[in-house]
Structures are given as structure tokens and as C-alpha cells.
Amino acid sequence: MMRDDAFAQWLGEMHRCYDLLQAGICVISADDQEEVLFANQSVLEMYECSSWDEFHVLVHGTWTGMSADDFAGLDHIGPDQ
């Protein structure tokens, strides 16, 4: 059980680090499902979502959902927007 607790703590720390970056980071499963496993705060902001749950519902939890018509290109994202 200690190993799971240590991993959960490490994972939480990694999420906090990724949220500090000014770049969108997401992790997609390397299988046919292409499930979105993680998205940092910048990705949530790109999709105008206030939470992971809202983002996950919006994109149907998949890369395909992220890259469909609701994808905002980099020219639509920035500090002046």
C-alpha cells in the first residue's frame, strides 16, 4: 500500500508542475482508444473548461474529441485573447 501512496503523491506533484507551464500538455493512451489520460491547466483553459470533468465530457475523453471542430488553433490562444 505504501507504494501506491507514494505513487499517488508523486503523480500529484507532477500534475502541479505541469499546471505551472504556459504550454498545453496532455497525455493520450497509445492504443486504439486514444483516451485522454491527463491534461494540464493550460489545456483546460484552451478549451474554456473550469475542471477536468468538464473537459473530459467536452472531448468525450478522447484525442478525436480534442481534434474535432471544437479545437482552437494557436492563433486563437494567447495572453491578449
PDB file of N, CA and C in Angstrom:
ATOM      1  N   MET A   1       0.822  -1.198   0.000  1.00  0.00           N
ATOM      2  CA  MET A   1       0.000   0.000   0.000  1.00  0.00           C
ATOM      3  C   MET A   1       0.862   1.257   0.000  1.00  0.00           C
ATOM      4  N   MET A   2       1.984   1.232   0.661  1.00  0.00           N
ATOM      5  CA  MET A   2       2.872   2.399   0.694  1.00  0.00           C
ATOM      6  C   MET A   2       3.298   2.799  -0.708  1.00  0.00           C
ATOM      7  N   ARG A   3       3.552   1.805  -1.546  1.00  0.00           N
ATOM      8  CA  ARG A   3       3.987   2.100  -2.891  1.00  0.00           C
ATOM      9  C   ARG A   3       2.898   2.873  -3.635  1.00  0.00           C
ATOM     10  N   ASP A   4       1.650   2.485  -3.506  1.00  0.00           N
ATOM     11  CA  ASP A   4       0.547   3.192  -4.155  1.00  0.00           C
ATOM     12  C   ASP A   4       0.426   4.616  -3.626  1.00  0.00           C
ATOM     13  N   ASP A   5       0.587   4.799  -2.316  1.00  0.00           N
ATOM     14  CA  ASP A   5       0.516   6.131  -1.724  1.00  0.00           C
ATOM     15  C   ASP A   5       1.645   7.018  -2.234  1.00  0.00           C
ATOM     16  N   ALA A   6       2.835   6.458  -2.328  1.00  0.00           N
ATOM     17  CA  ALA A   6       3.979   7.220  -2.820  1.00  0.00           C
ATOM     18  C   ALA A   6       3.771   7.608  -4.286  1.00  0.00           C
ATOM     19  N   PHE A   7       3.246   6.687  -5.065  1.00  0.00           N
ATOM     20  CA  PHE A   7       2.985   6.980  -6.475  1.00  0.00           C
ATOM     21  C   PHE A   7       1.931   8.069  -6.611  1.00  0.00           C
ATOM     22  N   ALA A   8       0.866   7.979  -5.831  1.00  0.00           N
ATOM     23  CA  ALA A   8      -0.194   8.997  -5.876  1.00  0.00           C
ATOM     24  C   ALA A   8       0.358  10.363  -5.495  1.00  0.00           C
ATOM     25  N   GLN A   9       1.235  10.405  -4.514  1.00  0.00           N
ATOM     26  CA  GLN A   9       1.842  11.678  -4.107  1.00  0.00           C
ATOM     27  C   GLN A   9       2.720  12.221  -5.226  1.00  0.00           C
ATOM     28  N   TRP A  10       3.533  11.365  -5.820  1.00  0.00           N
ATOM     29  CA  TRP A  10       4.402  11.774  -6.929  1.00  0.00           C
ATOM     30  C   TRP A  10       3.561  12.288  -8.096  1.00  0.00           C
ATOM     31  N   LEU A  11       2.484  11.561  -8.414  1.00  0.00           N
ATOM     32  CA  LEU A  11       1.630  11.961  -9.523  1.00  0.00           C
ATOM     33  C   LEU A  11       0.992  13.328  -9.267  1.00  0.00           C
ATOM     34  N   GLY A  12       0.558  13.563  -8.039  1.00  0.00           N
ATOM     35  CA  GLY A  12       0.005  14.866  -7.687  1.00  0.00           C
ATOM     36  C   GLY A  12       1.012  15.980  -7.854  1.00  0.00           C
ATOM     37  N   GLU A  13       2.266  15.714  -7.472  1.00  0.00           N
ATOM     38  CA  GLU A  13       3.330  16.710  -7.627  1.00  0.00           C
ATOM     39  C   GLU A  13       3.601  16.982  -9.103  1.00  0.00           C
ATOM     40  N   MET A  14       3.585  15.944  -9.926  1.00  0.00           N
ATOM     41  CA  MET A  14       3.799  16.124 -11.364  1.00  0.00           C
ATOM     42  C   MET A  14       2.671  16.965 -11.965  1.00  0.00           C
ATOM     43  N   HIS A  15       1.433  16.708 -11.565  1.00  0.00           N
ATOM     44  CA  HIS A  15       0.308  17.500 -12.066  1.00  0.00           C
ATOM     45  C   HIS A  15       0.495  18.970 -11.717  1.00  0.00           C
ATOM     46  N   ARG A  16       0.899  19.243 -10.487  1.00  0.00           N
ATOM     47  CA  ARG A  16       1.112  20.643 -10.084  1.00  0.00           C
ATOM     48  C   ARG A  16       2.222  21.286 -10.913  1.00  0.00           C
ATOM     49  N   CYS A  17       3.281  20.550 -11.201  1.00  0.00           N
ATOM     50  CA  CYS A  17       4.380  21.086 -12.023  1.00  0.00           C
ATOM     51  C   CYS A  17       3.896  21.379 -13.440  1.00  0.00           C
ATOM     52  N   TYR A  18       3.171  20.450 -14.022  1.00  0.00           N
ATOM     53  CA  TYR A  18       2.665  20.654 -15.379  1.00  0.00           C
ATOM     54  C   TYR A  18       1.691  21.827 -15.447  1.00  0.00           C
ATOM     55  N   ASP A  19       0.939  22.054 -14.380  1.00  0.00           N
ATOM     56  CA  ASP A  19      -0.004  23.173 -14.368  1.00  0.00           C
ATOM     57  C   ASP A  19       0.702  24.522 -14.339  1.00  0.00           C
ATOM     58  N   LEU A  20       1.967  24.558 -13.940  1.00  0.00           N
ATOM     59  CA  LEU A  20       2.736  25.802 -13.915  1.00  0.00           C
ATOM     60  C   LEU A  20       3.243  26.197 -15.296  1.00  0.00           C
ATOM     61  N   LEU A  21       3.282  25.251 -16.215  1.00  0.00           N
ATOM     62  CA  LEU A  21       3.778  25.525 -17.560  1.00  0.00           C
ATOM     63  C   LEU A  21       2.781  26.361 -18.348  1.00  0.00           C
ATOM     64  N   GLN A  22       3.285  27.231 -19.198  1.00  0.00           N
ATOM     65  CA  GLN A  22       2.444  28.065 -20.046  1.00  0.00           C
ATOM     66  C   GLN A  22       2.158  27.380 -21.379  1.00  0.00           C
ATOM     67  N   ALA A  23       2.284  26.072 -21.404  1.00  0.00           N
ATOM     68  CA  ALA A  23       2.045  25.299 -22.622  1.00  0.00           C
ATOM     69  C   ALA A  23       1.048  24.198 -22.310  1.00  0.00           C
ATOM     70  N   GLY A  24       0.260  23.847 -23.307  1.00  0.00           N
ATOM     71  CA  GLY A  24      -0.698  22.768 -23.129  1.00  0.00           C
ATOM     72  C   GLY A  24      -0.003  21.423 -23.169  1.00  0.00           C
ATOM     73  N   ILE A  25      -0.243  20.619 -22.153  1.00  0.00           N
ATOM     74  CA  ILE A  25       0.330  19.275 -22.082  1.00  0.00           C
ATOM     75  C   ILE A  25      -0.816  18.300 -21.859  1.00  0.00           C
ATOM     76  N   CYS A  26      -0.880  17.284 -22.681  1.00  0.00           N
ATOM     77  CA  CYS A  26      -1.841  16.221 -22.426  1.00  0.00           C
ATOM     78  C   CYS A  26      -1.184  14.884 -22.737  1.00  0.00           C
ATOM     79  N   VAL A  27      -1.686  13.857 -22.092  1.00  0.00           N
ATOM     80  CA  VAL A  27      -1.186  12.506 -22.280  1.00  0.00           C
ATOM     81  C   VAL A  27      -2.330  11.690 -22.861  1.00  0.00           C
ATOM     82  N   ILE A  28      -2.038  11.032 -23.962  1.00  0.00           N
ATOM     83  CA  ILE A  28      -3.026  10.224 -24.673  1.00  0.00           C
ATOM     84  C   ILE A  28      -2.568   8.773 -24.632  1.00  0.00           C
ATOM     85  N   SER A  29      -3.494   7.855 -24.415  1.00  0.00           N
ATOM     86  CA  SER A  29      -3.131   6.434 -24.396  1.00  0.00           C
ATOM     87  C   SER A  29      -2.626   6.010 -25.771  1.00  0.00           C
ATOM     88  N   ALA A  30      -1.640   5.120 -25.776  1.00  0.00           N
ATOM     89  CA  ALA A  30      -1.029   4.657 -27.020  1.00  0.00           C
ATOM     90  C   ALA A  30      -1.714   3.375 -27.490  1.00  0.00           C
ATOM     91  N   ASP A  31      -3.012   3.456 -27.669  1.00  0.00           N
ATOM     92  CA  ASP A  31      -3.773   2.318 -28.169  1.00  0.00           C
ATOM     93  C   ASP A  31      -4.871   2.830 -29.085  1.00  0.00           C
ATOM     94  N   ASP A  32      -5.714   1.940 -29.540  1.00  0.00           N
ATOM     95  CA  ASP A  32      -6.785   2.342 -30.466  1.00  0.00           C
ATOM     96  C   ASP A  32      -7.809   3.265 -29.830  1.00  0.00           C
ATOM     97  N   GLN A  33      -7.912   3.266 -28.515  1.00  0.00           N
ATOM     98  CA  GLN A  33      -8.885   4.119 -27.821  1.00  0.00           C
ATOM     99  C   GLN A  33      -8.471   5.583 -27.847  1.00  0.00           C
ATOM    100  N   GLU A  34      -7.156   5.850 -27.847  1.00  0.00           N
ATOM    101  CA  GLU A  34      -6.616   7.214 -27.792  1.00  0.00           C
ATOM    102  C   GLU A  34      -7.313   8.038 -26.708  1.00  0.00           C
ATOM    103  N   GLU A  35      -7.376   7.451 -25.513  1.00  0.00           N
ATOM    104  CA  GLU A  35      -8.032   8.094 -24.383  1.00  0.00           C
ATOM    105  C   GLU A  35      -7.161   9.202 -23.808  1.00  0.00           C
ATOM    106  N   VAL A  36      -7.767  10.319 -23.467  1.00  0.00           N
ATOM    107  CA  VAL A  36      -7.056  11.409 -22.810  1.00  0.00           C
ATOM    108  C   VAL A  36      -6.877  11.004 -21.344  1.00  0.00           C
ATOM    109  N   LEU A  37      -5.628  10.815 -20.944  1.00  0.00           N
ATOM    110  CA  LEU A  37      -5.329  10.377 -19.588  1.00  0.00           C
ATOM    111  C   LEU A  37      -5.027  11.548 -18.658  1.00  0.00           C
ATOM    112  N   PHE A  38      -4.535  12.628 -19.224  1.00  0.00           N
ATOM    113  CA  PHE A  38      -4.163  13.804 -18.430  1.00  0.00           C
ATOM    114  C   PHE A  38      -4.177  15.025 -19.329  1.00  0.00           C
ATOM    115  N   ALA A  39      -4.582  16.138 -18.787  1.00  0.00           N
ATOM    116  CA  ALA A  39      -4.463  17.432 -19.460  1.00  0.00           C
ATOM    117  C   ALA A  39      -4.165  18.467 -18.383  1.00  0.00           C
ATOM    118  N   ASN A  40      -3.176  19.318 -18.646  1.00  0.00           N
ATOM    119  CA  ASN A  40      -2.842  20.319 -17.638  1.00  0.00           C
ATOM    120  C   ASN A  40      -3.786  21.520 -17.719  1.00  0.00           C
ATOM    121  N   GLN A  41      -3.598  22.446 -16.810  1.00  0.00           N
ATOM    122  CA  GLN A  41      -4.490  23.609 -16.697  1.00  0.00           C
ATOM    123  C   GLN A  41      -4.522  24.422 -17.989  1.00  0.00           C
ATOM    124  N   SER A  42      -3.399  24.537 -18.688  1.00  0.00           N
ATOM    125  CA  SER A  42      -3.374  25.301 -19.939  1.00  0.00           C
ATOM    126  C   SER A  42      -4.289  24.684 -20.987  1.00  0.00           C
ATOM    127  N   VAL A  43      -4.342  23.358 -21.050  1.00  0.00           N
ATOM    128  CA  VAL A  43      -5.249  22.695 -21.994  1.00  0.00           C
ATOM    129  C   VAL A  43      -6.695  22.985 -21.597  1.00  0.00           C
ATOM    130  N   LEU A  44      -6.986  22.894 -20.310  1.00  0.00           N
ATOM    131  CA  LEU A  44      -8.346  23.193 -19.858  1.00  0.00           C
ATOM    132  C   LEU A  44      -8.738  24.612 -20.254  1.00  0.00           C
ATOM    133  N   GLU A  45      -7.819  25.552 -20.111  1.00  0.00           N
ATOM    134  CA  GLU A  45      -8.093  26.940 -20.476  1.00  0.00           C
ATOM    135  C   GLU A  45      -8.302  27.089 -21.978  1.00  0.00           C
ATOM    136  N   MET A  46      -7.527  26.349 -22.791  1.00  0.00           N
ATOM    137  CA  MET A  46      -7.699  26.399 -24.247  1.00  0.00           C
ATOM    138  C   MET A  46      -9.109  25.987 -24.648  1.00  0.00           C
ATOM    139  N   TYR A  47      -9.653  25.044 -23.916  1.00  0.00           N
ATOM    140  CA  TYR A  47     -10.990  24.539 -24.216  1.00  0.00           C
ATOM    141  C   TYR A  47     -12.065  25.224 -23.361  1.00  0.00           C
ATOM    142  N   GLU A  48     -11.653  26.265 -22.666  1.00  0.00           N
ATOM    143  CA  GLU A  48     -12.552  27.057 -21.826  1.00  0.00           C
ATOM    144  C   GLU A  48     -13.326  26.193 -20.829  1.00  0.00           C
ATOM    145  N   CYS A  49     -12.601  25.275 -20.198  1.00  0.00           N
ATOM    146  CA  CYS A  49     -13.176  24.376 -19.193  1.00  0.00           C
ATOM    147  C   CYS A  49     -12.636  24.745 -17.825  1.00  0.00           C
ATOM    148  N   SER A  50     -13.480  24.678 -16.830  1.00  0.00           N
ATOM    149  CA  SER A  50     -13.058  25.036 -15.477  1.00  0.00           C
ATOM    150  C   SER A  50     -12.609  23.829 -14.661  1.00  0.00           C
ATOM    151  N   SER A  51     -12.784  22.630 -15.209  1.00  0.00           N
ATOM    152  CA  SER A  51     -12.380  21.435 -14.470  1.00  0.00           C
ATOM    153  C   SER A  51     -12.029  20.307 -15.437  1.00  0.00           C
ATOM    154  N   TRP A  52     -11.325  19.306 -14.897  1.00  0.00           N
ATOM    155  CA  TRP A  52     -11.001  18.110 -15.669  1.00  0.00           C
ATOM    156  C   TRP A  52     -12.294  17.424 -16.111  1.00  0.00           C
ATOM    157  N   ASP A  53     -13.257  17.318 -15.214  1.00  0.00           N
ATOM    158  CA  ASP A  53     -14.509  16.638 -15.544  1.00  0.00           C
ATOM    159  C   ASP A  53     -15.225  17.316 -16.708  1.00  0.00           C
ATOM    160  N   GLU A  54     -15.271  18.641 -16.682  1.00  0.00           N
ATOM    161  CA  GLU A  54     -15.913  19.384 -17.768  1.00  0.00           C
ATOM    162  C   GLU A  54     -15.180  19.148 -19.087  1.00  0.00           C
ATOM    163  N   PHE A  55     -13.851  19.191 -19.048  1.00  0.00           N
ATOM    164  CA  PHE A  55     -13.032  18.943 -20.235  1.00  0.00           C
ATOM    165  C   PHE A  55     -13.269  17.532 -20.766  1.00  0.00           C
ATOM    166  N   HIS A  56     -13.244  16.550 -19.870  1.00  0.00           N
ATOM    167  CA  HIS A  56     -13.394  15.147 -20.259  1.00  0.00           C
ATOM    168  C   HIS A  56     -14.735  14.913 -20.954  1.00  0.00           C
ATOM    169  N   VAL A  57     -15.795  15.534 -20.437  1.00  0.00           N
ATOM    170  CA  VAL A  57     -17.116  15.416 -21.066  1.00  0.00           C
ATOM    171  C   VAL A  57     -17.106  16.098 -22.436  1.00  0.00           C
ATOM    172  N   LEU A  58     -16.521  17.289 -22.515  1.00  0.00           N
ATOM    173  CA  LEU A  58     -16.500  18.058 -23.761  1.00  0.00           C
ATOM    174  C   LEU A  58     -15.840  17.278 -24.895  1.00  0.00           C
ATOM    175  N   VAL A  59     -14.694  16.642 -24.611  1.00  0.00           N
ATOM    176  CA  VAL A  59     -13.934  15.949 -25.658  1.00  0.00           C
ATOM    177  C   VAL A  59     -14.246  14.455 -25.713  1.00  0.00           C
ATOM    178  N   HIS A  60     -15.229  14.044 -24.937  1.00  0.00           N
ATOM    179  CA  HIS A  60     -15.627  12.630 -24.891  1.00  0.00           C
ATOM    180  C   HIS A  60     -14.464  11.741 -24.459  1.00  0.00           C
ATOM    181  N   GLY A  61     -13.510  12.329 -23.744  1.00  0.00           N
ATOM    182  CA  GLY A  61     -12.387  11.582 -23.196  1.00  0.00           C
ATOM    183  C   GLY A  61     -11.394  11.058 -24.207  1.00  0.00           C
ATOM    184  N   THR A  62     -11.446  11.569 -25.447  1.00  0.00           N
ATOM    185  CA  THR A  62     -10.570  11.020 -26.486  1.00  0.00           C
ATOM    186  C   THR A  62      -9.828  12.107 -27.263  1.00  0.00           C
ATOM    187  N   TRP A  63      -8.737  11.698 -27.883  1.00  0.00           N
ATOM    188  CA  TRP A  63      -7.963  12.583 -28.753  1.00  0.00           C
ATOM    189  C   TRP A  63      -8.841  13.049 -29.917  1.00  0.00           C
ATOM    190  N   THR A  64      -9.642  12.151 -30.466  1.00  0.00           N
ATOM    191  CA  THR A  64     -10.525  12.520 -31.565  1.00  0.00           C
ATOM    192  C   THR A  64     -11.445  13.661 -31.148  1.00  0.00           C
ATOM    193  N   GLY A  65     -11.949  13.595 -29.928  1.00  0.00           N
ATOM    194  CA  GLY A  65     -12.801  14.667 -29.426  1.00  0.00           C
ATOM    195  C   GLY A  65     -12.052  15.975 -29.284  1.00  0.00           C
ATOM    196  N   MET A  66     -10.761  15.902 -29.001  1.00  0.00           N
ATOM    197  CA  MET A  66      -9.948  17.117 -28.878  1.00  0.00           C
ATOM    198  C   MET A  66      -9.648  17.728 -30.237  1.00  0.00           C
ATOM    199  N   SER A  67      -9.492  16.904 -31.232  1.00  0.00           N
ATOM    200  CA  SER A  67      -9.037  17.399 -32.527  1.00  0.00           C
ATOM    201  C   SER A  67     -10.175  17.637 -33.514  1.00  0.00           C
ATOM    202  N   ALA A  68     -11.393  17.533 -33.052  1.00  0.00           N
ATOM    203  CA  ALA A  68     -12.544  17.772 -33.926  1.00  0.00           C
ATOM    204  C   ALA A  68     -12.758  19.274 -34.115  1.00  0.00           C
ATOM    205  N   ASP A  69     -13.920  19.662 -34.558  1.00  0.00           N
ATOM    206  CA  ASP A  69     -14.229  21.057 -34.872  1.00  0.00           C
ATOM    207  C   ASP A  69     -14.053  22.012 -33.692  1.00  0.00           C
ATOM    208  N   ASP A  70     -14.103  21.500 -32.472  1.00  0.00           N
ATOM    209  CA  ASP A  70     -14.002  22.383 -31.313  1.00  0.00           C
ATOM    210  C   ASP A  70     -12.557  22.693 -30.936  1.00  0.00           C
ATOM    211  N   PHE A  71     -11.592  22.264 -31.759  1.00  0.00           N
ATOM    212  CA  PHE A  71     -10.189  22.555 -31.475  1.00  0.00           C
ATOM    213  C   PHE A  71      -9.870  23.998 -31.822  1.00  0.00           C
ATOM    214  N   ALA A  72      -9.212  24.696 -30.898  1.00  0.00           N
ATOM    215  CA  ALA A  72      -8.795  26.079 -31.137  1.00  0.00           C
ATOM    216  C   ALA A  72      -7.318  26.091 -31.502  1.00  0.00           C
ATOM    217  N   GLY A  73      -6.979  26.639 -32.641  1.00  0.00           N
ATOM    218  CA  GLY A  73      -5.586  26.719 -33.064  1.00  0.00           C
ATOM    219  C   GLY A  73      -4.815  27.710 -32.211  1.00  0.00           C
ATOM    220  N   LEU A  74      -3.501  27.651 -32.333  1.00  0.00           N
ATOM    221  CA  LEU A  74      -2.645  28.513 -31.514  1.00  0.00           C
ATOM    222  C   LEU A  74      -2.888  29.991 -31.773  1.00  0.00           C
ATOM    223  N   ASP A  75      -3.341  30.342 -32.965  1.00  0.00           N
ATOM    224  CA  ASP A  75      -3.584  31.758 -33.242  1.00  0.00           C
ATOM    225  C   ASP A  75      -4.780  32.304 -32.450  1.00  0.00           C
ATOM    226  N   HIS A  76      -5.567  31.433 -31.817  1.00  0.00           N
ATOM    227  CA  HIS A  76      -6.703  31.847 -31.010  1.00  0.00           C
ATOM    228  C   HIS A  76      -6.365  31.850 -29.517  1.00  0.00           C
ATOM    229  N   ILE A  77      -5.128  31.543 -29.186  1.00  0.00           N
ATOM    230  CA  ILE A  77      -4.740  31.385 -27.788  1.00  0.00           C
ATOM    231  C   ILE A  77      -3.590  32.339 -27.489  1.00  0.00           C
ATOM    232  N   GLY A  78      -3.656  32.995 -26.387  1.00  0.00           N
ATOM    233  CA  GLY A  78      -2.564  33.859 -26.004  1.00  0.00           C
ATOM    234  C   GLY A  78      -2.995  34.825 -24.919  1.00  0.00           C
ATOM    235  N   PRO A  79      -2.054  35.555 -24.369  1.00  0.00           N
ATOM    236  CA  PRO A  79      -2.366  36.440 -23.264  1.00  0.00           C
ATOM    237  C   PRO A  79      -3.310  37.591 -23.646  1.00  0.00           C
ATOM    238  N   ASP A  80      -3.341  37.961 -24.933  1.00  0.00           N
ATOM    239  CA  ASP A  80      -4.202  39.071 -25.357  1.00  0.00           C
ATOM    240  C   ASP A  80      -5.595  38.638 -25.712  1.00  0.00           C
ATOM    241  N   GLN A  81      -5.860  37.346 -25.668  1.00  0.00           N
ATOM    242  CA  GLN A  81      -7.162  36.819 -26.100  1.00  0.00           C
ATOM    243  C   GLN A  81      -8.157  36.817 -24.971  1.00  0.00           C
TER     244      GLN A  81
END
